[in-house]
């Protein structure tokens, strides 16, 4: 690591002038306020310039993973560098762009020691959300048919063969209407 004495002195002086970044953006999903990237940069930029500091951020690839590298530069040529792996929620350009913006905001704040968002010690981010997969109407009909077959002590394999013989398709490939029709036939027997 290179000598960073001048950079460190400039950062200490800048941090003495930083105040909390105002939370001007609203998250519509959580109905909470946060400091967006523009607010973070706008809040810090004049103070950085005054002390010969700048932040430069670059999307990159590190160890085969999309990443963001953040540099804290000083007019003396001294710098600090940090790389953060990007975690896109969707694997498309919009997802990647959102991941870059999110990483830029948090990396920018981290390299400068800026405070904006309330610190909940990562609790919200670490809470796993269990999302039940949405079942199709055909899946629901197949489940109801299986319950009926079990209640009538009818062998599942035999019922599956009969379904294929009667309808010309496998029960797994049938739509809800066809499965319900077969259900009605079995129920009436």
Protein backbone atom coordinates (compact mmCIF):
# COMPACT_ATOMS: atom_id res chain seq x y z
CA UNK A 1 0.00 0.00 0.00
CA UNK A 2 1.30 3.43 -0.85
CA UNK A 3 1.88 6.25 1.62
CA UNK A 4 -1.37 8.09 2.30
CA UNK A 5 -0.35 10.74 4.84
CA UNK A 6 -1.56 13.73 2.82
CA UNK A 7 -4.76 11.97 1.79
CA UNK A 8 -5.45 10.98 5.40
CA UNK A 9 -4.97 14.57 6.64
CA UNK A 10 -7.29 15.90 3.95
CA UNK A 11 -9.93 13.27 4.74
CA UNK A 12 -9.80 14.07 8.45
CA UNK A 13 -10.32 17.77 7.65
CA UNK A 14 -13.19 16.97 5.25
CA UNK A 15 -14.89 14.67 7.76
CA UNK A 16 -14.83 17.47 10.32
CA UNK A 17 -17.02 19.46 7.91
CA UNK A 18 -19.38 16.71 6.73
CA UNK A 19 -22.84 16.65 8.19
CA UNK A 20 -25.47 13.94 7.84
CA UNK A 21 -26.64 13.64 4.26
CA UNK A 22 -30.29 14.71 3.98
CA UNK A 23 -32.78 11.98 3.17
CA UNK A 24 -34.59 13.51 0.20
CA UNK A 25 -35.71 10.42 -1.73
CA UNK A 26 -38.62 8.15 -0.80
CA UNK A 27 -38.72 4.40 -1.14
CA UNK A 28 -42.26 3.68 -2.37
CA UNK A 29 -42.17 0.04 -1.21
CA UNK A 30 -41.17 0.69 2.40
CA UNK A 31 -42.56 4.25 2.67
CA UNK A 32 -39.27 5.46 4.08
CA UNK A 33 -36.89 8.26 3.24
CA UNK A 34 -33.28 7.73 2.19
CA UNK A 35 -30.38 9.71 0.76
CA UNK A 36 -30.09 8.92 -2.95
CA UNK A 37 -26.78 9.00 -4.83
CA UNK A 38 -27.34 12.54 -6.12
CA UNK A 39 -27.93 13.83 -2.56
CA UNK A 40 -24.84 12.05 -1.26
CA UNK A 41 -22.60 13.49 -4.00
CA UNK A 42 -24.14 16.97 -3.75
CA UNK A 43 -23.61 17.02 0.01
CA UNK A 44 -19.95 15.94 -0.13
CA UNK A 45 -18.61 17.41 -3.39
CA UNK A 46 -17.87 21.02 -2.29
CA UNK A 47 -16.08 19.83 0.85
CA UNK A 48 -14.07 17.25 -1.11
CA UNK A 49 -12.96 19.86 -3.64
CA UNK A 50 -11.96 22.26 -0.86
CA UNK A 51 -9.57 19.62 0.55
CA UNK A 52 -8.18 18.35 -2.76
CA UNK A 53 -10.16 15.13 -2.63
CA UNK A 54 -12.27 13.35 -5.25
CA UNK A 55 -14.16 10.09 -5.54
CA UNK A 56 -14.02 8.09 -8.77
CA UNK A 57 -16.08 4.92 -9.30
CA UNK A 58 -15.83 2.34 -12.07
CA UNK A 59 -17.88 -0.78 -12.88
CA UNK A 60 -15.42 -3.62 -13.42
CA UNK A 61 -15.04 -7.38 -13.21
CA UNK A 62 -13.02 -8.92 -10.39
CA UNK A 63 -12.53 -12.66 -10.00
CA UNK A 64 -15.07 -13.13 -12.79
CA UNK A 65 -17.79 -11.22 -10.89
CA UNK A 66 -19.35 -7.86 -11.81
CA UNK A 67 -17.97 -5.34 -9.33
CA UNK A 68 -17.63 -1.65 -8.57
CA UNK A 69 -14.24 -0.15 -7.73
CA UNK A 70 -14.25 3.10 -5.77
CA UNK A 71 -11.17 5.33 -5.55
CA UNK A 72 -10.68 8.11 -3.03
CA UNK A 73 -8.14 10.37 -4.75
CA UNK A 74 -6.03 13.19 -3.33
CA UNK A 75 -4.41 15.96 -5.34
CA UNK A 76 -1.00 14.67 -4.15
CA UNK A 77 -1.53 11.50 -6.18
CA UNK A 78 -2.24 9.37 -3.11
CA UNK A 79 -5.35 7.20 -3.22
CA UNK A 80 -7.38 4.51 -1.51
CA UNK A 81 -9.17 1.83 -3.50
CA UNK A 82 -12.01 -0.50 -2.56
CA UNK A 83 -13.93 -3.01 -4.67
CA UNK A 84 -17.46 -4.24 -3.99
CA UNK A 85 -19.11 -7.18 -5.74
CA UNK A 86 -22.39 -6.24 -7.44
CA UNK A 87 -25.51 -8.25 -6.59
CA UNK A 88 -28.08 -7.57 -9.29
CA UNK A 89 -31.64 -8.58 -8.43
CA UNK A 90 -32.35 -9.26 -12.12
CA UNK A 91 -29.90 -10.44 -14.76
CA UNK A 92 -30.64 -7.74 -17.32
CA UNK A 93 -29.35 -4.21 -18.04
CA UNK A 94 -31.86 -2.58 -15.67
CA UNK A 95 -30.92 -4.95 -12.85
CA UNK A 96 -27.23 -4.33 -13.43
CA UNK A 97 -27.77 -0.57 -13.55
CA UNK A 98 -29.71 -0.64 -10.28
CA UNK A 99 -26.96 -2.72 -8.64
CA UNK A 100 -24.31 -0.24 -9.83
CA UNK A 101 -26.27 2.76 -8.50
CA UNK A 102 -26.87 1.05 -5.16
CA UNK A 103 -23.20 0.06 -4.84
CA UNK A 104 -22.05 3.55 -5.85
CA UNK A 105 -24.17 5.17 -3.14
CA UNK A 106 -23.02 2.89 -0.34
CA UNK A 107 -19.38 2.76 -1.45
CA UNK A 108 -19.27 6.56 -1.78
CA UNK A 109 -20.63 6.95 1.75
CA UNK A 110 -18.32 4.28 3.14
CA UNK A 111 -15.08 5.63 1.66
CA UNK A 112 -15.82 9.08 3.06
CA UNK A 113 -17.38 8.03 6.35
CA UNK A 114 -20.67 9.75 5.49
CA UNK A 115 -23.85 9.00 7.42
CA UNK A 116 -27.35 9.20 6.00
CA UNK A 117 -29.54 6.17 6.52
CA UNK A 118 -30.47 4.94 9.97
CA UNK A 119 -28.20 2.08 10.98
CA UNK A 120 -30.21 -1.01 11.88
CA UNK A 121 -27.09 -3.21 11.99
CA UNK A 122 -28.15 -4.92 8.77
CA UNK A 123 -31.33 -6.38 10.25
CA UNK A 124 -33.66 -5.42 7.39
CA UNK A 125 -31.20 -6.58 4.75
CA UNK A 126 -30.59 -9.92 6.44
CA UNK A 127 -34.23 -10.87 6.95
CA UNK A 128 -35.03 -13.58 4.43
CA UNK A 129 -38.30 -13.17 2.65
CA UNK A 130 -40.08 -16.43 1.99
CA UNK A 131 -42.09 -16.19 -1.16
CA UNK A 132 -44.44 -19.04 -1.84
CA UNK A 133 -44.54 -19.91 -5.51
CA UNK A 134 -47.88 -19.17 -7.07
CA UNK A 135 -49.65 -22.37 -7.98
CA UNK A 136 -51.42 -22.62 -11.29
CA UNK A 137 -55.08 -23.61 -11.45
CA UNK A 138 -53.98 -26.87 -13.11
CA UNK A 139 -51.67 -27.62 -10.16
CA UNK A 140 -54.53 -26.96 -7.75
CA UNK A 141 -56.82 -29.26 -9.77
CA UNK A 142 -54.15 -32.01 -9.78
CA UNK A 143 -53.79 -31.70 -5.99
CA UNK A 144 -57.55 -32.01 -5.54
CA UNK A 145 -57.61 -35.03 -7.86
CA UNK A 146 -54.79 -36.70 -5.90
CA UNK A 147 -56.75 -36.21 -2.66
CA UNK A 148 -59.85 -37.76 -4.24
CA UNK A 149 -57.85 -40.74 -5.57
CA UNK A 150 -56.33 -41.29 -2.13
CA UNK A 151 -59.74 -41.06 -0.44
CA UNK A 152 -61.14 -43.65 -2.86
CA UNK A 153 -58.01 -45.83 -2.54
CA UNK A 154 -57.35 -45.63 -6.28
CA UNK A 155 -53.79 -46.30 -7.38
CA UNK A 156 -52.17 -43.08 -8.68
CA UNK A 157 -50.24 -44.85 -11.45
CA UNK A 158 -53.36 -46.62 -12.65
CA UNK A 159 -55.30 -43.34 -12.61
CA UNK A 160 -52.51 -41.65 -14.56
CA UNK A 161 -52.58 -44.41 -17.23
CA UNK A 162 -56.38 -44.17 -17.47
CA UNK A 163 -56.15 -40.39 -17.86
CA UNK A 164 -53.64 -40.74 -20.70
CA UNK A 165 -55.78 -43.42 -22.38
CA UNK A 166 -58.96 -41.31 -22.08
CA UNK A 167 -57.55 -37.84 -22.91
CA UNK A 168 -54.46 -38.62 -24.99
CA UNK A 169 -52.10 -36.58 -22.79
CA UNK A 170 -50.30 -37.03 -19.50
CA UNK A 171 -52.03 -35.58 -16.48
CA UNK A 172 -48.92 -33.42 -15.79
CA UNK A 173 -49.46 -31.70 -19.17
CA UNK A 174 -53.22 -31.18 -18.89
CA UNK A 175 -54.86 -27.85 -18.15
CA UNK A 176 -57.17 -27.30 -15.18
CA UNK A 177 -60.37 -27.80 -17.19
CA UNK A 178 -59.35 -31.29 -18.36
CA UNK A 179 -58.12 -32.34 -14.90
CA UNK A 180 -61.40 -31.15 -13.35
CA UNK A 181 -63.38 -33.14 -15.93
CA UNK A 182 -61.47 -36.29 -14.98
CA UNK A 183 -62.00 -35.44 -11.30
CA UNK A 184 -65.76 -35.32 -11.93
CA UNK A 185 -65.69 -38.72 -13.66
CA UNK A 186 -63.74 -40.34 -10.79
CA UNK A 187 -65.98 -38.70 -8.19
CA UNK A 188 -69.15 -40.02 -9.86
CA UNK A 189 -67.91 -43.63 -9.90
